[in-house]
């Protein structure tokens, strides 16, 4: 689908399940908010286009990508939340901080998903620079927020419609 087109948002021919009846939380990092807000907008638009009602999309903000894990866990605590989409952007810097944050967030999101038996989607960009982030937040490589929303819908379908 997306890898053949070099654009994460091209979904032609892809079977996107309906999100009707589902409640989806979107946890958005405030760090690099130009990027994360673009990811959020792509995710929300995609969910709405695929049947999720606006009232069933819960958006919450956390200070940075490291805090996405706890934000996801708090969202999963809500009985009505069927899935969580985590959106962040950690740009490579001059120190190893990037490696520690990316590793912690990836592992944390996986652990929350397994703990609650709910789809918790990793929509965190890990680019080398701002241009690469912009390219993946609505630029030439599409919008990772769209891909994260589609992933959530597909995982919900896998969980509830097998």
C-alpha atoms as a PDB file:
ATOM      1  CA  UNK A   1       0.000   0.000   0.000  1.00  0.00           C
ATOM      2  CA  UNK A   2       1.984   2.992   1.227  1.00  0.00           C
ATOM      3  CA  UNK A   3       5.531   1.739   0.819  1.00  0.00           C
ATOM      4  CA  UNK A   4       5.109   1.116  -2.904  1.00  0.00           C
ATOM      5  CA  UNK A   5       3.954   4.705  -3.352  1.00  0.00           C
ATOM      6  CA  UNK A   6       6.571   6.237  -1.015  1.00  0.00           C
ATOM      7  CA  UNK A   7       3.644   8.084   0.521  1.00  0.00           C
ATOM      8  CA  UNK A   8       2.192   6.916   3.805  1.00  0.00           C
ATOM      9  CA  UNK A   9      -1.176   8.505   3.105  1.00  0.00           C
ATOM     10  CA  UNK A  10      -1.977   6.902  -0.251  1.00  0.00           C
ATOM     11  CA  UNK A  11      -4.623   4.332   0.572  1.00  0.00           C
ATOM     12  CA  UNK A  12      -6.118   3.551  -2.820  1.00  0.00           C
ATOM     13  CA  UNK A  13      -7.170  -0.064  -3.042  1.00  0.00           C
ATOM     14  CA  UNK A  14      -6.778  -0.433   0.697  1.00  0.00           C
ATOM     15  CA  UNK A  15      -9.723  -1.835   2.618  1.00  0.00           C
ATOM     16  CA  UNK A  16     -10.321   0.558   5.509  1.00  0.00           C
ATOM     17  CA  UNK A  17     -12.824  -0.803   8.038  1.00  0.00           C
ATOM     18  CA  UNK A  18     -15.612   1.399   9.355  1.00  0.00           C
ATOM     19  CA  UNK A  19     -15.076   3.114  12.665  1.00  0.00           C
ATOM     20  CA  UNK A  20     -18.803   3.441  13.391  1.00  0.00           C
ATOM     21  CA  UNK A  21     -19.553   2.819  17.044  1.00  0.00           C
ATOM     22  CA  UNK A  22     -15.970   3.069  18.242  1.00  0.00           C
ATOM     23  CA  UNK A  23     -14.488   5.595  20.661  1.00  0.00           C
ATOM     24  CA  UNK A  24     -10.908   6.526  19.879  1.00  0.00           C
ATOM     25  CA  UNK A  25      -8.559   8.632  21.985  1.00  0.00           C
ATOM     26  CA  UNK A  26      -5.805  10.622  20.327  1.00  0.00           C
ATOM     27  CA  UNK A  27      -2.912  11.565  22.596  1.00  0.00           C
ATOM     28  CA  UNK A  28      -0.843  14.391  21.100  1.00  0.00           C
ATOM     29  CA  UNK A  29       2.584  15.590  22.191  1.00  0.00           C
ATOM     30  CA  UNK A  30       2.847  19.375  22.524  1.00  0.00           C
ATOM     31  CA  UNK A  31       6.564  19.220  21.714  1.00  0.00           C
ATOM     32  CA  UNK A  32       7.145  20.025  18.018  1.00  0.00           C
ATOM     33  CA  UNK A  33       3.481  21.055  17.888  1.00  0.00           C
ATOM     34  CA  UNK A  34       3.618  22.289  14.284  1.00  0.00           C
ATOM     35  CA  UNK A  35       4.253  18.662  13.333  1.00  0.00           C
ATOM     36  CA  UNK A  36       2.072  16.944  15.923  1.00  0.00           C
ATOM     37  CA  UNK A  37      -0.930  19.173  15.222  1.00  0.00           C
ATOM     38  CA  UNK A  38      -0.662  18.286  11.527  1.00  0.00           C
ATOM     39  CA  UNK A  39      -0.568  14.600  12.493  1.00  0.00           C
ATOM     40  CA  UNK A  40      -3.612  15.127  14.734  1.00  0.00           C
ATOM     41  CA  UNK A  41      -5.534  16.842  11.954  1.00  0.00           C
ATOM     42  CA  UNK A  42      -4.781  13.994   9.547  1.00  0.00           C
ATOM     43  CA  UNK A  43      -5.875  11.382  12.084  1.00  0.00           C
ATOM     44  CA  UNK A  44      -9.109  13.173  12.976  1.00  0.00           C
ATOM     45  CA  UNK A  45     -10.052  13.743   9.334  1.00  0.00           C
ATOM     46  CA  UNK A  46      -9.427  10.080   8.524  1.00  0.00           C
ATOM     47  CA  UNK A  47     -11.448   8.820  11.483  1.00  0.00           C
ATOM     48  CA  UNK A  48     -14.377  11.078  10.572  1.00  0.00           C
ATOM     49  CA  UNK A  49     -14.232   9.999   6.916  1.00  0.00           C
ATOM     50  CA  UNK A  50     -14.402   6.387   8.024  1.00  0.00           C
ATOM     51  CA  UNK A  51     -17.414   6.527  10.317  1.00  0.00           C
ATOM     52  CA  UNK A  52     -16.125   7.562  13.738  1.00  0.00           C
ATOM     53  CA  UNK A  53     -18.463  10.184  15.161  1.00  0.00           C
ATOM     54  CA  UNK A  54     -16.852  13.454  16.255  1.00  0.00           C
ATOM     55  CA  UNK A  55     -18.236  12.986  19.775  1.00  0.00           C
ATOM     56  CA  UNK A  56     -16.366   9.660  19.939  1.00  0.00           C
ATOM     57  CA  UNK A  57     -12.944  11.183  19.255  1.00  0.00           C
ATOM     58  CA  UNK A  58     -11.241  12.216  22.488  1.00  0.00           C
ATOM     59  CA  UNK A  59      -8.159  14.404  22.024  1.00  0.00           C
ATOM     60  CA  UNK A  60      -5.761  14.916  24.915  1.00  0.00           C
ATOM     61  CA  UNK A  61      -2.386  16.677  25.014  1.00  0.00           C
ATOM     62  CA  UNK A  62       0.776  15.754  26.874  1.00  0.00           C
ATOM     63  CA  UNK A  63       3.975  17.842  27.180  1.00  0.00           C
ATOM     64  CA  UNK A  64       6.256  15.606  25.107  1.00  0.00           C
ATOM     65  CA  UNK A  65       6.564  12.224  23.431  1.00  0.00           C
ATOM     66  CA  UNK A  66       7.885  10.607  26.615  1.00  0.00           C
ATOM     67  CA  UNK A  67       4.529  11.350  28.262  1.00  0.00           C
ATOM     68  CA  UNK A  68       2.527   9.656  25.490  1.00  0.00           C
ATOM     69  CA  UNK A  69       2.756   6.336  27.325  1.00  0.00           C
ATOM     70  CA  UNK A  70       1.036   7.542  30.488  1.00  0.00           C
ATOM     71  CA  UNK A  71      -1.445   9.537  28.391  1.00  0.00           C
ATOM     72  CA  UNK A  72      -2.311   6.325  26.536  1.00  0.00           C
ATOM     73  CA  UNK A  73      -2.659   4.395  29.780  1.00  0.00           C
ATOM     74  CA  UNK A  74      -4.997   7.019  31.243  1.00  0.00           C
ATOM     75  CA  UNK A  75      -7.084   6.934  28.048  1.00  0.00           C
ATOM     76  CA  UNK A  76      -7.238   3.122  28.179  1.00  0.00           C
ATOM     77  CA  UNK A  77      -8.594   3.373  31.734  1.00  0.00           C
ATOM     78  CA  UNK A  78     -11.822   4.716  30.238  1.00  0.00           C
ATOM     79  CA  UNK A  79     -14.134   1.771  29.698  1.00  0.00           C
ATOM     80  CA  UNK A  80     -15.537   3.312  26.504  1.00  0.00           C
ATOM     81  CA  UNK A  81     -12.165   3.851  24.810  1.00  0.00           C
ATOM     82  CA  UNK A  82     -11.697   1.190  22.142  1.00  0.00           C
ATOM     83  CA  UNK A  83      -8.325   2.362  20.787  1.00  0.00           C
ATOM     84  CA  UNK A  84      -5.677   5.012  21.376  1.00  0.00           C
ATOM     85  CA  UNK A  85      -3.543   6.797  18.800  1.00  0.00           C
ATOM     86  CA  UNK A  86      -0.288   8.295  20.116  1.00  0.00           C
ATOM     87  CA  UNK A  87       1.140  11.141  18.041  1.00  0.00           C
ATOM     88  CA  UNK A  88       4.543  12.664  18.638  1.00  0.00           C
ATOM     89  CA  UNK A  89       7.749  13.815  17.003  1.00  0.00           C
ATOM     90  CA  UNK A  90      11.252  13.276  18.363  1.00  0.00           C
ATOM     91  CA  UNK A  91      13.911  14.866  16.176  1.00  0.00           C
ATOM     92  CA  UNK A  92      17.470  13.534  16.329  1.00  0.00           C
ATOM     93  CA  UNK A  93      19.786  15.893  18.160  1.00  0.00           C
ATOM     94  CA  UNK A  94      23.439  15.948  19.114  1.00  0.00           C
ATOM     95  CA  UNK A  95      23.064  13.711  22.186  1.00  0.00           C
ATOM     96  CA  UNK A  96      21.812  10.207  22.949  1.00  0.00           C
ATOM     97  CA  UNK A  97      18.624  11.690  24.457  1.00  0.00           C
ATOM     98  CA  UNK A  98      16.871  10.846  21.147  1.00  0.00           C
ATOM     99  CA  UNK A  99      17.674   7.135  21.513  1.00  0.00           C
ATOM    100  CA  UNK A 100      16.468   6.919  25.101  1.00  0.00           C
ATOM    101  CA  UNK A 101      13.200   8.739  24.414  1.00  0.00           C
ATOM    102  CA  UNK A 102      12.379   6.781  21.235  1.00  0.00           C
ATOM    103  CA  UNK A 103      13.118   3.448  22.893  1.00  0.00           C
ATOM    104  CA  UNK A 104      11.098   4.287  26.013  1.00  0.00           C
ATOM    105  CA  UNK A 105       8.098   5.504  24.002  1.00  0.00           C
ATOM    106  CA  UNK A 106       8.054   2.525  21.637  1.00  0.00           C
ATOM    107  CA  UNK A 107       8.292   0.030  24.492  1.00  0.00           C
ATOM    108  CA  UNK A 108       5.840   1.951  26.640  1.00  0.00           C
ATOM    109  CA  UNK A 109       3.179   2.121  23.940  1.00  0.00           C
ATOM    110  CA  UNK A 110       3.538  -1.598  23.268  1.00  0.00           C
ATOM    111  CA  UNK A 111       3.237  -2.380  26.974  1.00  0.00           C
ATOM    112  CA  UNK A 112       0.091  -0.267  27.381  1.00  0.00           C
ATOM    113  CA  UNK A 113      -1.510  -2.006  24.411  1.00  0.00           C
ATOM    114  CA  UNK A 114      -0.768  -5.433  25.857  1.00  0.00           C
ATOM    115  CA  UNK A 115      -1.786  -4.460  29.401  1.00  0.00           C
ATOM    116  CA  UNK A 116      -5.228  -3.239  28.324  1.00  0.00           C
ATOM    117  CA  UNK A 117      -5.726  -5.563  25.335  1.00  0.00           C
ATOM    118  CA  UNK A 118      -6.600  -2.515  23.225  1.00  0.00           C
ATOM    119  CA  UNK A 119      -4.979  -1.142  20.085  1.00  0.00           C
ATOM    120  CA  UNK A 120      -2.514   1.596  21.080  1.00  0.00           C
ATOM    121  CA  UNK A 121      -1.004   2.957  17.896  1.00  0.00           C
ATOM    122  CA  UNK A 122       2.551   4.265  17.542  1.00  0.00           C
ATOM    123  CA  UNK A 123       2.249   7.445  15.476  1.00  0.00           C
ATOM    124  CA  UNK A 124       5.546   8.943  16.580  1.00  0.00           C
ATOM    125  CA  UNK A 125       7.893  10.391  13.994  1.00  0.00           C
ATOM    126  CA  UNK A 126      11.617   9.834  14.631  1.00  0.00           C
ATOM    127  CA  UNK A 127      13.256  11.914  11.884  1.00  0.00           C
ATOM    128  CA  UNK A 128      16.802  13.175  11.617  1.00  0.00           C
ATOM    129  CA  UNK A 129      15.685  16.768  11.045  1.00  0.00           C
ATOM    130  CA  UNK A 130      12.694  19.090  10.796  1.00  0.00           C
ATOM    131  CA  UNK A 131      12.438  18.727   7.009  1.00  0.00           C
ATOM    132  CA  UNK A 132      11.981  14.967   7.320  1.00  0.00           C
ATOM    133  CA  UNK A 133       9.298  15.578   9.951  1.00  0.00           C
ATOM    134  CA  UNK A 134       7.467  18.049   7.702  1.00  0.00           C
ATOM    135  CA  UNK A 135       7.688  15.580   4.807  1.00  0.00           C
ATOM    136  CA  UNK A 136       5.811  13.042   6.969  1.00  0.00           C
ATOM    137  CA  UNK A 137       3.281  15.440   8.487  1.00  0.00           C
ATOM    138  CA  UNK A 138       1.523  16.436   5.283  1.00  0.00           C
ATOM    139  CA  UNK A 139       4.497  16.807   2.949  1.00  0.00           C
ATOM    140  CA  UNK A 140       5.845  14.655   0.156  1.00  0.00           C
ATOM    141  CA  UNK A 141       5.663  11.460   2.223  1.00  0.00           C
ATOM    142  CA  UNK A 142       2.057  11.996   3.281  1.00  0.00           C
ATOM    143  CA  UNK A 143       0.780  12.278   6.833  1.00  0.00           C
ATOM    144  CA  UNK A 144       1.658   9.676   9.455  1.00  0.00           C
ATOM    145  CA  UNK A 145      -1.476  10.726  11.365  1.00  0.00           C
ATOM    146  CA  UNK A 146      -3.592   9.337   8.527  1.00  0.00           C
ATOM    147  CA  UNK A 147      -1.659   6.085   8.633  1.00  0.00           C
ATOM    148  CA  UNK A 148      -2.057   5.866  12.427  1.00  0.00           C
ATOM    149  CA  UNK A 149      -5.832   6.335  12.151  1.00  0.00           C
ATOM    150  CA  UNK A 150      -6.099   3.648   9.479  1.00  0.00           C
ATOM    151  CA  UNK A 151      -3.988   1.323  11.620  1.00  0.00           C
ATOM    152  CA  UNK A 152      -6.332   1.903  14.580  1.00  0.00           C
ATOM    153  CA  UNK A 153      -9.385   1.058  12.464  1.00  0.00           C
ATOM    154  CA  UNK A 154      -7.743  -2.081  11.084  1.00  0.00           C
ATOM    155  CA  UNK A 155      -6.704  -3.255  14.544  1.00  0.00           C
ATOM    156  CA  UNK A 156     -10.214  -2.619  15.905  1.00  0.00           C
ATOM    157  CA  UNK A 157     -11.598  -4.687  13.057  1.00  0.00           C
ATOM    158  CA  UNK A 158      -9.135  -7.444  13.865  1.00  0.00           C
ATOM    159  CA  UNK A 159     -10.142  -7.404  17.533  1.00  0.00           C
ATOM    160  CA  UNK A 160     -13.910  -7.154  17.180  1.00  0.00           C
ATOM    161  CA  UNK A 161     -14.795  -8.649  13.799  1.00  0.00           C
ATOM    162  CA  UNK A 162     -12.794 -11.817  13.509  1.00  0.00           C
END
